[in-house]
Amino acid sequence: FLGRDDTMSVGRFARLADSGKVRYVLVTQATPLFESVLMACNPVFDSALPLRYQYELYDCAGSAAALRGQLPVAASTRRR
C-alpha cells in the first residue's frame, strides 16, 4: 500500500489489514494513516531490500487491533 488514496481512513485500512488484503505499507509521507502505521505495524528489516526502502516498509499483518487502537474512541465504536 502506497497511501495514494487520500480517502483511506485508519478504520478502513485496519479492516483491509485484518482481511489480509493489505499487508505491507511503504511509508513515504506524514499522513494520519501513516502515523498510525508507524505506531501499530512492524518495520521490515531485510538486507535484501533496496536501500531506499529501508526504514520505510512496514508489515501490518496481525496489526488490525493495534491500528484500531489508534482511532479516536468515537470512530472506533462506530458501525459501518
Protein backbone atom coordinates (compact mmCIF):
# COMPACT_ATOMS: atom_id res chain seq x y z
CA PHE A 1 0.00 0.00 0.00
CA LEU A 2 1.46 3.32 -1.05
CA GLY A 3 -1.11 5.63 0.51
CA ARG A 4 -2.19 7.30 -2.69
CA ASP A 5 -5.86 7.06 -1.68
CA ASP A 6 -6.49 10.28 0.25
CA THR A 7 -9.86 8.99 1.45
CA MET A 8 -8.46 5.90 3.19
CA SER A 9 -9.34 6.09 6.88
CA VAL A 10 -7.45 4.27 9.60
CA GLY A 11 -10.55 2.17 10.30
CA ARG A 12 -10.92 1.13 6.67
CA PHE A 13 -7.23 0.34 6.46
CA ALA A 14 -7.47 -1.76 9.65
CA ARG A 15 -10.28 -3.79 8.06
CA LEU A 16 -8.17 -4.35 4.92
CA ALA A 17 -5.20 -5.43 7.04
CA ASP A 18 -7.44 -7.72 9.12
CA SER A 19 -8.79 -9.40 5.97
CA GLY A 20 -5.28 -9.88 4.56
CA LYS A 21 -5.97 -7.64 1.54
CA VAL A 22 -3.19 -5.29 2.66
CA ARG A 23 -0.07 -6.34 4.49
CA TYR A 24 2.90 -4.16 3.60
CA VAL A 25 2.92 -0.38 3.69
CA LEU A 26 5.55 1.88 2.23
CA VAL A 27 5.53 4.99 4.41
CA THR A 28 6.77 7.91 2.34
CA GLN A 29 4.98 10.92 3.80
CA ALA A 30 3.38 12.15 7.01
CA THR A 31 -0.37 11.46 6.99
CA PRO A 32 -2.74 10.42 9.79
CA LEU A 33 -2.90 6.92 8.31
CA PHE A 34 0.86 6.59 8.09
CA GLU A 35 1.25 7.91 11.64
CA SER A 36 -1.00 5.04 12.78
CA VAL A 37 1.02 2.55 10.72
CA LEU A 38 4.24 3.77 12.39
CA MET A 39 2.69 3.20 15.83
CA ALA A 40 0.93 -0.12 15.16
CA CYS A 41 2.85 -2.06 12.49
CA ASN A 42 6.31 -3.60 12.47
CA PRO A 43 9.18 -2.18 10.43
CA VAL A 44 10.66 -4.62 7.94
CA PHE A 45 14.41 -5.00 8.32
CA ASP A 46 15.78 -7.06 5.47
CA SER A 47 19.19 -6.51 3.92
CA ALA A 48 17.78 -7.79 0.62
CA LEU A 49 15.55 -4.70 0.35
CA PRO A 50 16.83 -1.83 -1.73
CA LEU A 51 18.37 0.85 0.48
CA ARG A 52 15.66 3.36 -0.42
CA TYR A 53 13.04 1.12 1.26
CA GLN A 54 14.97 0.58 4.48
CA TYR A 55 13.11 2.23 7.38
CA GLU A 56 10.08 2.94 5.17
CA LEU A 57 8.49 -0.51 4.73
CA TYR A 58 6.11 -1.76 7.43
CA ASP A 59 4.40 -5.13 7.89
CA CYS A 60 0.83 -4.75 9.18
CA ALA A 61 -0.05 -8.47 9.34
CA GLY A 62 -1.82 -9.06 12.64
CA SER A 63 -1.86 -5.34 13.46
CA ALA A 64 -5.54 -4.56 12.82
CA ALA A 65 -6.41 -4.35 16.53
CA ALA A 66 -3.43 -2.08 17.18
CA LEU A 67 -4.42 0.08 14.22
CA ARG A 68 -7.96 0.32 15.58
CA GLY A 69 -6.43 1.34 18.89
CA GLN A 70 -5.07 4.43 17.12
CA LEU A 71 -8.61 5.60 16.30
CA PRO A 72 -10.43 8.17 18.41
CA VAL A 73 -12.92 6.39 20.69
CA ALA A 74 -15.99 7.67 18.86
CA ALA A 75 -14.69 6.49 15.48
CA SER A 76 -13.61 3.08 16.73
CA THR A 77 -17.09 2.29 18.12
CA ARG A 78 -19.00 3.42 15.03
CA ARG A 79 -20.57 0.68 12.92
CA ARG A 80 -20.12 0.76 9.13
